[in-house]
Amino acid sequence: GMKRKLAIVTAFMHDPEILVLDEPTSGLDPIMQERFIEFI
């Protein structure tokens, strides 16, 4: 779960215009899954 969070941070830290997400919430707990949906 920590590694998945780190991957999210480094994927989007440069504020890209296009996001390509492959099974993005794999390994996240339910609270962080909801947090990720909020982010999207």
Full PDB file with SEQRES, HELIX, SHEET, SSBOND, CRYST1, ORIGX, SCALE, CONECT and MASTER records, all heavy atoms in Angstrom:
SEQRES   1 A   40  GLY MET LYS ARG LYS LEU ALA ILE VAL THR ALA PHE MET          
SEQRES   2 A   40  HIS ASP PRO GLU ILE LEU VAL LEU ASP GLU PRO THR SER          
SEQRES   3 A   40  GLY LEU ASP PRO ILE MET GLN GLU ARG PHE ILE GLU PHE          
SEQRES   4 A   40  ILE                                                          
HELIX    1 AA1 MET A    2  PHE A   12  1                                  11    
HELIX    2 AA2 PRO A   30  PHE A   39  1                                  10    
CRYST1    1.000    1.000    1.000  90.00  90.00  90.00 P 1           1          
ORIGX1      1.000000  0.000000  0.000000        0.00000                         
ORIGX2      0.000000  1.000000  0.000000        0.00000                         
ORIGX3      0.000000  0.000000  1.000000        0.00000                         
SCALE1      1.000000  0.000000  0.000000        0.00000                         
SCALE2      0.000000  1.000000  0.000000        0.00000                         
SCALE3      0.000000  0.000000  1.000000        0.00000                         
ATOM      1  N   GLY A   1       0.814  -1.211   0.000  1.00  0.00           N  
ATOM      2  CA  GLY A   1       0.000   0.000   0.000  1.00  0.00           C  
ATOM      3  C   GLY A   1       0.849   1.262   0.000  1.00  0.00           C  
ATOM      4  O   GLY A   1       0.540   2.236  -0.701  1.00  0.00           O  
ATOM      5  N   MET A   2       1.943   1.262   0.790  1.00  0.00           N  
ATOM      6  CA  MET A   2       2.846   2.417   0.818  1.00  0.00           C  
ATOM      7  C   MET A   2       3.514   2.604  -0.542  1.00  0.00           C  
ATOM      8  O   MET A   2       3.649   3.734  -1.037  1.00  0.00           O  
ATOM      9  CB  MET A   2       3.892   2.204   1.900  1.00  0.00           C  
ATOM     10  CG  MET A   2       3.362   2.272   3.308  1.00  0.00           C  
ATOM     11  SD  MET A   2       3.121   3.971   3.864  1.00  0.00           S  
ATOM     12  CE  MET A   2       4.814   4.473   4.163  1.00  0.00           C  
ATOM     13  N   LYS A   3       3.918   1.514  -1.162  1.00  0.00           N  
ATOM     14  CA  LYS A   3       4.551   1.611  -2.482  1.00  0.00           C  
ATOM     15  C   LYS A   3       3.568   2.138  -3.524  1.00  0.00           C  
ATOM     16  O   LYS A   3       3.941   2.906  -4.411  1.00  0.00           O  
ATOM     17  CB  LYS A   3       5.087   0.244  -2.898  1.00  0.00           C  
ATOM     18  CG  LYS A   3       6.314  -0.203  -2.120  1.00  0.00           C  
ATOM     19  CD  LYS A   3       6.793  -1.572  -2.577  1.00  0.00           C  
ATOM     20  CE  LYS A   3       8.045  -1.992  -1.827  1.00  0.00           C  
ATOM     21  NZ  LYS A   3       8.510  -3.345  -2.209  1.00  0.00           N  
ATOM     22  N   ARG A   4       2.304   1.721  -3.420  1.00  0.00           N  
ATOM     23  CA  ARG A   4       1.306   2.211  -4.358  1.00  0.00           C  
ATOM     24  C   ARG A   4       1.106   3.714  -4.187  1.00  0.00           C  
ATOM     25  O   ARG A   4       1.003   4.455  -5.171  1.00  0.00           O  
ATOM     26  CB  ARG A   4      -0.017   1.460  -4.148  1.00  0.00           C  
ATOM     27  CG  ARG A   4      -1.170   1.919  -5.010  1.00  0.00           C  
ATOM     28  CD  ARG A   4      -0.898   1.797  -6.491  1.00  0.00           C  
ATOM     29  NE  ARG A   4      -0.640   0.439  -6.910  1.00  0.00           N  
ATOM     30  CZ  ARG A   4      -0.403   0.075  -8.160  1.00  0.00           C  
ATOM     31  NH1 ARG A   4      -0.383   0.992  -9.107  1.00  0.00           N  
ATOM     32  NH2 ARG A   4      -0.157  -1.178  -8.464  1.00  0.00           N  
ATOM     33  N   LYS A   5       1.060   4.190  -2.940  1.00  0.00           N  
ATOM     34  CA  LYS A   5       0.951   5.625  -2.693  1.00  0.00           C  
ATOM     35  C   LYS A   5       2.140   6.371  -3.281  1.00  0.00           C  
ATOM     36  O   LYS A   5       1.982   7.444  -3.890  1.00  0.00           O  
ATOM     37  CB  LYS A   5       0.853   5.907  -1.198  1.00  0.00           C  
ATOM     38  CG  LYS A   5      -0.423   5.432  -0.538  1.00  0.00           C  
ATOM     39  CD  LYS A   5      -0.366   5.788   0.945  1.00  0.00           C  
ATOM     40  CE  LYS A   5      -1.534   5.241   1.714  1.00  0.00           C  
ATOM     41  NZ  LYS A   5      -1.465   5.598   3.149  1.00  0.00           N  
ATOM     42  N   LEU A   6       3.331   5.834  -3.100  1.00  0.00           N  
ATOM     43  CA  LEU A   6       4.536   6.464  -3.640  1.00  0.00           C  
ATOM     44  C   LEU A   6       4.483   6.501  -5.161  1.00  0.00           C  
ATOM     45  O   LEU A   6       4.879   7.498  -5.785  1.00  0.00           O  
ATOM     46  CB  LEU A   6       5.776   5.710  -3.166  1.00  0.00           C  
ATOM     47  CG  LEU A   6       7.124   6.273  -3.629  1.00  0.00           C  
ATOM     48  CD1 LEU A   6       7.315   7.704  -3.132  1.00  0.00           C  
ATOM     49  CD2 LEU A   6       8.273   5.385  -3.136  1.00  0.00           C  
ATOM     50  N   ALA A   7       3.977   5.444  -5.778  1.00  0.00           N  
ATOM     51  CA  ALA A   7       3.841   5.410  -7.232  1.00  0.00           C  
ATOM     52  C   ALA A   7       2.863   6.481  -7.700  1.00  0.00           C  
ATOM     53  O   ALA A   7       3.076   7.131  -8.741  1.00  0.00           O  
ATOM     54  CB  ALA A   7       3.378   4.028  -7.684  1.00  0.00           C  
ATOM     55  N   ILE A   8       1.787   6.696  -6.949  1.00  0.00           N  
ATOM     56  CA  ILE A   8       0.820   7.743  -7.295  1.00  0.00           C  
ATOM     57  C   ILE A   8       1.486   9.112  -7.239  1.00  0.00           C  
ATOM     58  O   ILE A   8       1.347   9.938  -8.153  1.00  0.00           O  
ATOM     59  CB  ILE A   8      -0.396   7.680  -6.345  1.00  0.00           C  
ATOM     60  CG1 ILE A   8      -1.212   6.408  -6.600  1.00  0.00           C  
ATOM     61  CG2 ILE A   8      -1.277   8.917  -6.503  1.00  0.00           C  
ATOM     62  CD1 ILE A   8      -2.290   6.150  -5.565  1.00  0.00           C  
ATOM     63  N   VAL A   9       2.234   9.354  -6.167  1.00  0.00           N  
ATOM     64  CA  VAL A   9       2.891  10.657  -6.009  1.00  0.00           C  
ATOM     65  C   VAL A   9       3.860  10.924  -7.150  1.00  0.00           C  
ATOM     66  O   VAL A   9       3.846  12.003  -7.762  1.00  0.00           O  
ATOM     67  CB  VAL A   9       3.627  10.724  -4.653  1.00  0.00           C  
ATOM     68  CG1 VAL A   9       4.498  11.979  -4.577  1.00  0.00           C  
ATOM     69  CG2 VAL A   9       2.626  10.703  -3.501  1.00  0.00           C  
ATOM     70  N   THR A  10       4.711   9.953  -7.475  1.00  0.00           N  
ATOM     71  CA  THR A  10       5.730  10.183  -8.502  1.00  0.00           C  
ATOM     72  C   THR A  10       5.139  10.195  -9.914  1.00  0.00           C  
ATOM     73  O   THR A  10       5.718  10.798 -10.824  1.00  0.00           O  
ATOM     74  CB  THR A  10       6.844   9.127  -8.412  1.00  0.00           C  
ATOM     75  OG1 THR A  10       6.273   7.806  -8.431  1.00  0.00           O  
ATOM     76  CG2 THR A  10       7.633   9.299  -7.121  1.00  0.00           C  
ATOM     77  N   ALA A  11       3.986   9.560 -10.103  1.00  0.00           N  
ATOM     78  CA  ALA A  11       3.346   9.581 -11.426  1.00  0.00           C  
ATOM     79  C   ALA A  11       2.724  10.941 -11.725  1.00  0.00           C  
ATOM     80  O   ALA A  11       2.688  11.370 -12.880  1.00  0.00           O  
ATOM     81  CB  ALA A  11       2.288   8.487 -11.509  1.00  0.00           C  
ATOM     82  N   PHE A  12       2.242  11.635 -10.677  1.00  0.00           N  
ATOM     83  CA  PHE A  12       1.468  12.853 -10.893  1.00  0.00           C  
ATOM     84  C   PHE A  12       2.129  14.108 -10.322  1.00  0.00           C  
ATOM     85  O   PHE A  12       1.540  15.180 -10.348  1.00  0.00           O  
ATOM     86  CB  PHE A  12       0.072  12.688 -10.287  1.00  0.00           C  
ATOM     87  CG  PHE A  12      -0.633  11.440 -10.747  1.00  0.00           C  
ATOM     88  CD1 PHE A  12      -1.312  10.631  -9.849  1.00  0.00           C  
ATOM     89  CD2 PHE A  12      -0.599  11.066 -12.081  1.00  0.00           C  
ATOM     90  CE1 PHE A  12      -1.953   9.482 -10.284  1.00  0.00           C  
ATOM     91  CE2 PHE A  12      -1.236   9.917 -12.515  1.00  0.00           C  
ATOM     92  CZ  PHE A  12      -1.911   9.126 -11.623  1.00  0.00           C  
ATOM     93  N   MET A  13       3.358  13.977  -9.825  1.00  0.00           N  
ATOM     94  CA  MET A  13       4.025  15.107  -9.185  1.00  0.00           C  
ATOM     95  C   MET A  13       4.315  16.252 -10.156  1.00  0.00           C  
ATOM     96  O   MET A  13       4.435  17.409  -9.747  1.00  0.00           O  
ATOM     97  CB  MET A  13       5.324  14.626  -8.533  1.00  0.00           C  
ATOM     98  CG  MET A  13       6.332  14.064  -9.505  1.00  0.00           C  
ATOM     99  SD  MET A  13       7.706  13.195  -8.690  1.00  0.00           S  
ATOM    100  CE  MET A  13       8.520  14.530  -7.843  1.00  0.00           C  
ATOM    101  N   HIS A  14       4.410  15.954 -11.456  1.00  0.00           N  
ATOM    102  CA  HIS A  14       4.698  16.997 -12.451  1.00  0.00           C  
ATOM    103  C   HIS A  14       3.421  17.572 -13.063  1.00  0.00           C  
ATOM    104  O   HIS A  14       3.482  18.313 -14.036  1.00  0.00           O  
ATOM    105  CB  HIS A  14       5.613  16.445 -13.548  1.00  0.00           C  
ATOM    106  CG  HIS A  14       5.074  15.240 -14.261  1.00  0.00           C  
ATOM    107  ND1 HIS A  14       4.699  14.090 -13.603  1.00  0.00           N  
ATOM    108  CD2 HIS A  14       4.839  15.006 -15.582  1.00  0.00           C  
ATOM    109  CE1 HIS A  14       4.264  13.199 -14.484  1.00  0.00           C  
ATOM    110  NE2 HIS A  14       4.328  13.727 -15.677  1.00  0.00           N  
ATOM    111  N   ASP A  15       2.258  17.214 -12.485  1.00  0.00           N  
ATOM    112  CA  ASP A  15       0.959  17.774 -12.875  1.00  0.00           C  
ATOM    113  C   ASP A  15       0.692  17.591 -14.367  1.00  0.00           C  
ATOM    114  O   ASP A  15       0.457  18.556 -15.099  1.00  0.00           O  
ATOM    115  CB  ASP A  15       0.898  19.254 -12.507  1.00  0.00           C  
ATOM    116  CG  ASP A  15      -0.541  19.768 -12.432  1.00  0.00           C  
ATOM    117  OD1 ASP A  15      -1.470  18.939 -12.402  1.00  0.00           O  
ATOM    118  OD2 ASP A  15      -0.722  20.999 -12.419  1.00  0.00           O  
ATOM    119  N   PRO A  16       0.673  16.339 -14.849  1.00  0.00           N  
ATOM    120  CA  PRO A  16       0.542  16.105 -16.287  1.00  0.00           C  
ATOM    121  C   PRO A  16      -0.867  16.353 -16.796  1.00  0.00           C  
ATOM    122  O   PRO A  16      -1.853  16.257 -16.054  1.00  0.00           O  
ATOM    123  CB  PRO A  16       0.905  14.621 -16.415  1.00  0.00           C  
ATOM    124  CG  PRO A  16       0.515  14.031 -15.094  1.00  0.00           C  
ATOM    125  CD  PRO A  16       0.801  15.087 -14.075  1.00  0.00           C  
ATOM    126  N   GLU A  17      -0.972  16.641 -18.101  1.00  0.00           N  
ATOM    127  CA  GLU A  17      -2.257  16.855 -18.754  1.00  0.00           C  
ATOM    128  C   GLU A  17      -2.973  15.536 -19.038  1.00  0.00           C  
ATOM    129  O   GLU A  17      -4.194  15.495 -19.130  1.00  0.00           O  
ATOM    130  CB  GLU A  17      -2.057  17.613 -20.064  1.00  0.00           C  
ATOM    131  CG  GLU A  17      -1.579  19.046 -19.898  1.00  0.00           C  
ATOM    132  CD  GLU A  17      -2.669  19.952 -19.351  1.00  0.00           C  
ATOM    133  OE1 GLU A  17      -3.851  19.661 -19.582  1.00  0.00           O  
ATOM    134  OE2 GLU A  17      -2.318  20.947 -18.691  1.00  0.00           O  
ATOM    135  N   ILE A  18      -2.202  14.461 -19.221  1.00  0.00           N  
ATOM    136  CA  ILE A  18      -2.758  13.148 -19.551  1.00  0.00           C  
ATOM    137  C   ILE A  18      -2.334  12.154 -18.477  1.00  0.00           C  
ATOM    138  O   ILE A  18      -1.147  12.082 -18.108  1.00  0.00           O  
ATOM    139  CB  ILE A  18      -2.265  12.666 -20.927  1.00  0.00           C  
ATOM    140  CG1 ILE A  18      -2.644  13.668 -22.017  1.00  0.00           C  
ATOM    141  CG2 ILE A  18      -2.853  11.296 -21.253  1.00  0.00           C  
ATOM    142  CD1 ILE A  18      -2.093  13.320 -23.381  1.00  0.00           C  
ATOM    143  N   LEU A  19      -3.284  11.363 -17.977  1.00  0.00           N  
ATOM    144  CA  LEU A  19      -3.019  10.341 -16.968  1.00  0.00           C  
ATOM    145  C   LEU A  19      -3.378   8.981 -17.552  1.00  0.00           C  
ATOM    146  O   LEU A  19      -4.480   8.799 -18.078  1.00  0.00           O  
ATOM    147  CB  LEU A  19      -3.842  10.594 -15.709  1.00  0.00           C  
ATOM    148  CG  LEU A  19      -3.809  12.016 -15.127  1.00  0.00           C  
ATOM    149  CD1 LEU A  19      -4.740  12.109 -13.929  1.00  0.00           C  
ATOM    150  CD2 LEU A  19      -2.401  12.401 -14.738  1.00  0.00           C  
ATOM    151  N   VAL A  20      -2.461   8.036 -17.452  1.00  0.00           N  
ATOM    152  CA  VAL A  20      -2.700   6.662 -17.893  1.00  0.00           C  
ATOM    153  C   VAL A  20      -2.542   5.764 -16.670  1.00  0.00           C  
ATOM    154  O   VAL A  20      -1.446   5.626 -16.122  1.00  0.00           O  
ATOM    155  CB  VAL A  20      -1.725   6.244 -19.007  1.00  0.00           C  
ATOM    156  CG1 VAL A  20      -1.953   4.791 -19.396  1.00  0.00           C  
ATOM    157  CG2 VAL A  20      -1.896   7.151 -20.233  1.00  0.00           C  
ATOM    158  N   LEU A  21      -3.640   5.146 -16.248  1.00  0.00           N  
ATOM    159  CA  LEU A  21      -3.693   4.439 -14.978  1.00  0.00           C  
ATOM    160  C   LEU A  21      -4.063   2.985 -15.200  1.00  0.00           C  
ATOM    161  O   LEU A  21      -5.143   2.686 -15.710  1.00  0.00           O  
ATOM    162  CB  LEU A  21      -4.733   5.099 -14.062  1.00  0.00           C  
ATOM    163  CG  LEU A  21      -4.726   6.634 -14.016  1.00  0.00           C  
ATOM    164  CD1 LEU A  21      -5.872   7.137 -13.152  1.00  0.00           C  
ATOM    165  CD2 LEU A  21      -3.391   7.140 -13.507  1.00  0.00           C  
ATOM    166  N   ASP A  22      -3.177   2.083 -14.806  1.00  0.00           N  
ATOM    167  CA  ASP A  22      -3.386   0.650 -14.989  1.00  0.00           C  
ATOM    168  C   ASP A  22      -3.600   0.005 -13.622  1.00  0.00           C  
ATOM    169  O   ASP A  22      -2.652  -0.126 -12.843  1.00  0.00           O  
ATOM    170  CB  ASP A  22      -2.176   0.039 -15.701  1.00  0.00           C  
ATOM    171  CG  ASP A  22      -2.421  -1.392 -16.146  1.00  0.00           C  
ATOM    172  OD1 ASP A  22      -3.555  -1.886 -15.978  1.00  0.00           O  
ATOM    173  OD2 ASP A  22      -1.488  -2.023 -16.664  1.00  0.00           O  
ATOM    174  N   GLU A  23      -4.842  -0.380 -13.337  1.00  0.00           N  
ATOM    175  CA  GLU A  23      -5.205  -0.954 -12.028  1.00  0.00           C  
ATOM    176  C   GLU A  23      -4.659  -0.067 -10.899  1.00  0.00           C  
ATOM    177  O   GLU A  23      -3.896  -0.516 -10.039  1.00  0.00           O  
ATOM    178  CB  GLU A  23      -4.674  -2.386 -11.890  1.00  0.00           C  
ATOM    179  CG  GLU A  23      -5.127  -3.333 -12.976  1.00  0.00           C  
ATOM    180  CD  GLU A  23      -6.613  -3.662 -12.909  1.00  0.00           C  
ATOM    181  OE1 GLU A  23      -7.259  -3.290 -11.922  1.00  0.00           O  
ATOM    182  OE2 GLU A  23      -7.116  -4.286 -13.849  1.00  0.00           O  
ATOM    183  N   PRO A  24      -5.057   1.197 -10.851  1.00  0.00           N  
ATOM    184  CA  PRO A  24      -4.394   2.165  -9.965  1.00  0.00           C  
ATOM    185  C   PRO A  24      -4.585   1.935  -8.477  1.00  0.00           C  
ATOM    186  O   PRO A  24      -3.747   2.346  -7.681  1.00  0.00           O  
ATOM    187  CB  PRO A  24      -5.006   3.499 -10.388  1.00  0.00           C  
ATOM    188  CG  PRO A  24      -6.331   3.142 -10.975  1.00  0.00           C  
ATOM    189  CD  PRO A  24      -6.119   1.826 -11.659  1.00  0.00           C  
ATOM    190  N   THR A  25      -5.690   1.302  -8.066  1.00  0.00           N  
ATOM    191  CA  THR A  25      -5.944   1.158  -6.626  1.00  0.00           C  
ATOM    192  C   THR A  25      -5.519  -0.205  -6.086  1.00  0.00           C  
ATOM    193  O   THR A  25      -5.797  -0.516  -4.931  1.00  0.00           O  
ATOM    194  CB  THR A  25      -7.434   1.388  -6.312  1.00  0.00           C  
ATOM    195  OG1 THR A  25      -8.224   0.430  -7.018  1.00  0.00           O  
ATOM    196  CG2 THR A  25      -7.864   2.781  -6.730  1.00  0.00           C  
ATOM    197  N   SER A  26      -4.854  -1.008  -6.905  1.00  0.00           N  
ATOM    198  CA  SER A  26      -4.377  -2.308  -6.431  1.00  0.00           C  
ATOM    199  C   SER A  26      -3.427  -2.129  -5.256  1.00  0.00           C  
ATOM    200  O   SER A  26      -2.428  -1.419  -5.343  1.00  0.00           O  
ATOM    201  CB  SER A  26      -3.660  -3.026  -7.578  1.00  0.00           C  
ATOM    202  OG  SER A  26      -3.079  -4.228  -7.133  1.00  0.00           O  
ATOM    203  N   GLY A  27      -3.755  -2.758  -4.126  1.00  0.00           N  
ATOM    204  CA  GLY A  27      -2.909  -2.663  -2.938  1.00  0.00           C  
ATOM    205  C   GLY A  27      -3.318  -1.576  -1.970  1.00  0.00           C  
ATOM    206  O   GLY A  27      -2.799  -1.530  -0.856  1.00  0.00           O  
ATOM    207  N   LEU A  28      -4.239  -0.696  -2.368  1.00  0.00           N  
ATOM    208  CA  LEU A  28      -4.704   0.351  -1.461  1.00  0.00           C  
ATOM    209  C   LEU A  28      -5.847  -0.165  -0.588  1.00  0.00           C  
ATOM    210  O   LEU A  28      -6.659  -0.970  -1.038  1.00  0.00           O  
ATOM    211  CB  LEU A  28      -5.198   1.569  -2.246  1.00  0.00           C  
ATOM    212  CG  LEU A  28      -4.170   2.355  -3.063  1.00  0.00           C  
ATOM    213  CD1 LEU A  28      -4.859   3.521  -3.763  1.00  0.00           C  
ATOM    214  CD2 LEU A  28      -3.029   2.853  -2.191  1.00  0.00           C  
ATOM    215  N   ASP A  29      -5.905   0.320   0.645  1.00  0.00           N  
ATOM    216  CA  ASP A  29      -7.030  -0.051   1.505  1.00  0.00           C  
ATOM    217  C   ASP A  29      -8.271   0.719   1.060  1.00  0.00           C  
ATOM    218  O   ASP A  29      -8.187   1.662   0.266  1.00  0.00           O  
ATOM    219  CB  ASP A  29      -6.693   0.204   2.980  1.00  0.00           C  
ATOM    220  CG  ASP A  29      -6.435   1.669   3.298  1.00  0.00           C  
ATOM    221  OD1 ASP A  29      -7.181   2.538   2.788  1.00  0.00           O  
ATOM    222  OD2 ASP A  29      -5.484   1.961   4.040  1.00  0.00           O  
ATOM    223  N   PRO A  30      -9.460   0.324   1.537  1.00  0.00           N  
ATOM    224  CA  PRO A  30     -10.703   0.960   1.071  1.00  0.00           C  
ATOM    225  C   PRO A  30     -10.735   2.471   1.249  1.00  0.00           C  
ATOM    226  O   PRO A  30     -11.289   3.179   0.403  1.00  0.00           O  
ATOM    227  CB  PRO A  30     -11.780   0.268   1.910  1.00  0.00           C  
ATOM    228  CG  PRO A  30     -11.207  -1.083   2.215  1.00  0.00           C  
ATOM    229  CD  PRO A  30      -9.741  -0.846   2.397  1.00  0.00           C  
ATOM    230  N   ILE A  31     -10.163   2.981   2.338  1.00  0.00           N  
ATOM    231  CA  ILE A  31     -10.166   4.430   2.552  1.00  0.00           C  
ATOM    232  C   ILE A  31      -9.346   5.127   1.482  1.00  0.00           C  
ATOM    233  O   ILE A  31      -9.757   6.139   0.905  1.00  0.00           O  
ATOM    234  CB  ILE A  31      -9.631   4.762   3.956  1.00  0.00           C  
ATOM    235  CG1 ILE A  31     -10.600   4.250   5.028  1.00  0.00           C  
ATOM    236  CG2 ILE A  31      -9.420   6.275   4.102  1.00  0.00           C  
ATOM    237  CD1 ILE A  31     -10.096   4.416   6.442  1.00  0.00           C  
ATOM    238  N   MET A  32      -8.161   4.584   1.181  1.00  0.00           N  
ATOM    239  CA  MET A  32      -7.309   5.184   0.164  1.00  0.00           C  
ATOM    240  C   MET A  32      -7.877   4.974  -1.245  1.00  0.00           C  
ATOM    241  O   MET A  32      -7.653   5.796  -2.132  1.00  0.00           O  
ATOM    242  CB  MET A  32      -5.901   4.617   0.251  1.00  0.00           C  
ATOM    243  CG  MET A  32      -5.104   5.131   1.431  1.00  0.00           C  
ATOM    244  SD  MET A  32      -4.867   6.931   1.375  1.00  0.00           S  
ATOM    245  CE  MET A  32      -5.718   7.428   2.879  1.00  0.00           C  
ATOM    246  N   GLN A  33      -8.618   3.904  -1.457  1.00  0.00           N  
ATOM    247  CA  GLN A  33      -9.295   3.729  -2.742  1.00  0.00           C  
ATOM    248  C   GLN A  33     -10.293   4.858  -2.967  1.00  0.00           C  
ATOM    249  O   GLN A  33     -10.372   5.423  -4.068  1.00  0.00           O  
ATOM    250  CB  GLN A  33      -9.997   2.369  -2.790  1.00  0.00           C  
ATOM    251  CG  GLN A  33      -9.049   1.189  -2.922  1.00  0.00           C  
ATOM    252  CD  GLN A  33      -9.778  -0.142  -2.920  1.00  0.00           C  
ATOM    253  OE1 GLN A  33     -10.998  -0.208  -2.858  1.00  0.00           O  
ATOM    254  NE2 GLN A  33      -9.030  -1.230  -2.984  1.00  0.00           N  
ATOM    255  N   GLU A  34     -11.060   5.185  -1.928  1.00  0.00           N  
ATOM    256  CA  GLU A  34     -12.006   6.301  -2.032  1.00  0.00           C  
ATOM    257  C   GLU A  34     -11.270   7.626  -2.215  1.00  0.00           C  
ATOM    258  O   GLU A  34     -11.707   8.490  -2.978  1.00  0.00           O  
ATOM    259  CB  GLU A  34     -12.888   6.356  -0.777  1.00  0.00           C  
ATOM    260  CG  GLU A  34     -13.933   5.263  -0.704  1.00  0.00           C  
ATOM    261  CD  GLU A  34     -14.909   5.332  -1.863  1.00  0.00           C  
ATOM    262  OE1 GLU A  34     -15.352   6.443  -2.204  1.00  0.00           O  
ATOM    263  OE2 GLU A  34     -15.222   4.277  -2.438  1.00  0.00           O  
ATOM    264  N   ARG A  35     -10.145   7.776  -1.534  1.00  0.00           N  
ATOM    265  CA  ARG A  35      -9.341   8.988  -1.681  1.00  0.00           C  
ATOM    266  C   ARG A  35      -8.833   9.130  -3.122  1.00  0.00           C  
ATOM    267  O   ARG A  35      -8.786  10.227  -3.673  1.00  0.00           O  
ATOM    268  CB  ARG A  35      -8.171   8.930  -0.706  1.00  0.00           C  
ATOM    269  CG  ARG A  35      -7.426  10.235  -0.481  1.00  0.00           C  
ATOM    270  CD  ARG A  35      -8.209  11.216   0.370  1.00  0.00           C  
ATOM    271  NE  ARG A  35      -8.641  10.649   1.633  1.00  0.00           N  
ATOM    272  CZ  ARG A  35      -7.880  10.620   2.749  1.00  0.00           C  
ATOM    273  NH1 ARG A  35      -6.660  11.110   2.732  1.00  0.00           N  
ATOM    274  NH2 ARG A  35      -8.363  10.132   3.863  1.00  0.00           N  
ATOM    275  N   PHE A  36      -8.479   8.003  -3.721  1.00  0.00           N  
ATOM    276  CA  PHE A  36      -7.992   8.032  -5.100  1.00  0.00           C  
ATOM    277  C   PHE A  36      -9.126   8.419  -6.060  1.00  0.00           C  
ATOM    278  O   PHE A  36      -8.903   9.181  -7.009  1.00  0.00           O  
ATOM    279  CB  PHE A  36      -7.401   6.682  -5.495  1.00  0.00           C  
ATOM    280  CG  PHE A  36      -6.742   6.696  -6.846  1.00  0.00           C  
ATOM    281  CD1 PHE A  36      -5.450   7.160  -6.987  1.00  0.00           C  
ATOM    282  CD2 PHE A  36      -7.419   6.252  -7.974  1.00  0.00           C  
ATOM    283  CE1 PHE A  36      -4.840   7.205  -8.229  1.00  0.00           C  
ATOM    284  CE2 PHE A  36      -6.825   6.284  -9.214  1.00  0.00           C  
ATOM    285  CZ  PHE A  36      -5.525   6.761  -9.344  1.00  0.00           C  
ATOM    286  N   ILE A  37     -10.316   7.888  -5.838  1.00  0.00           N  
ATOM    287  CA  ILE A  37     -11.457   8.267  -6.668  1.00  0.00           C  
ATOM    288  C   ILE A  37     -11.710   9.772  -6.558  1.00  0.00           C  
ATOM    289  O   ILE A  37     -11.974  10.451  -7.560  1.00  0.00           O  
ATOM    290  CB  ILE A  37     -12.700   7.458  -6.273  1.00  0.00           C  
ATOM    291  CG1 ILE A  37     -12.534   5.992  -6.710  1.00  0.00           C  
ATOM    292  CG2 ILE A  37     -13.968   8.050  -6.890  1.00  0.00           C  
ATOM    293  CD1 ILE A  37     -13.632   5.072  -6.227  1.00  0.00           C  
ATOM    294  N   GLU A  38     -11.611  10.322  -5.346  1.00  0.00           N  
ATOM    295  CA  GLU A  38     -11.749  11.765  -5.159  1.00  0.00           C  
ATOM    296  C   GLU A  38     -10.715  12.510  -5.990  1.00  0.00           C  
ATOM    297  O   GLU A  38     -11.018  13.532  -6.625  1.00  0.00           O  
ATOM    298  CB  GLU A  38     -11.565  12.128  -3.682  1.00  0.00           C  
ATOM    299  CG  GLU A  38     -12.687  11.684  -2.761  1.00  0.00           C  
ATOM    300  CD  GLU A  38     -12.355  11.984  -1.313  1.00  0.00           C  
ATOM    301  OE1 GLU A  38     -11.318  12.662  -1.069  1.00  0.00           O  
ATOM    302  OE2 GLU A  38     -13.105  11.542  -0.425  1.00  0.00           O  
ATOM    303  N   PHE A  39      -9.486  12.019  -5.985  1.00  0.00           N  
ATOM    304  CA  PHE A  39      -8.412  12.656  -6.736  1.00  0.00           C  
ATOM    305  C   PHE A  39      -8.702  12.644  -8.236  1.00  0.00           C  
ATOM    306  O   PHE A  39      -8.522  13.661  -8.924  1.00  0.00           O  
ATOM    307  CB  PHE A  39      -7.093  11.923  -6.444  1.00  0.00           C  
ATOM    308  CG  PHE A  39      -5.958  12.339  -7.338  1.00  0.00           C  
ATOM    309  CD1 PHE A  39      -5.453  13.632  -7.301  1.00  0.00           C  
ATOM    310  CD2 PHE A  39      -5.386  11.434  -8.215  1.00  0.00           C  
ATOM    311  CE1 PHE A  39      -4.405  14.015  -8.126  1.00  0.00           C  
ATOM    312  CE2 PHE A  39      -4.344  11.811  -9.043  1.00  0.00           C  
ATOM    313  CZ  PHE A  39      -3.852  13.100  -9.001  1.00  0.00           C  
ATOM    314  N   ILE A  40      -9.186  11.514  -8.749  1.00  0.00           N  
ATOM    315  CA  ILE A  40      -9.507  11.420 -10.178  1.00  0.00           C  
ATOM    316  C   ILE A  40     -10.614  12.407 -10.534  1.00  0.00           C  
ATOM    317  O   ILE A  40     -10.561  13.080 -11.574  1.00  0.00           O  
ATOM    318  CB  ILE A  40      -9.918   9.982 -10.549  1.00  0.00           C  
ATOM    319  CG1 ILE A  40      -8.734   9.035 -10.380  1.00  0.00           C  
ATOM    320  CG2 ILE A  40     -10.443   9.923 -11.981  1.00  0.00           C  
ATOM    321  CD1 ILE A  40      -7.513   9.419 -11.183  1.00  0.00           C  
TER     322      ILE A  40                                                      
MASTER        0    0    0    2    0    0    0    6  321    1    0    4          
END                                                                             
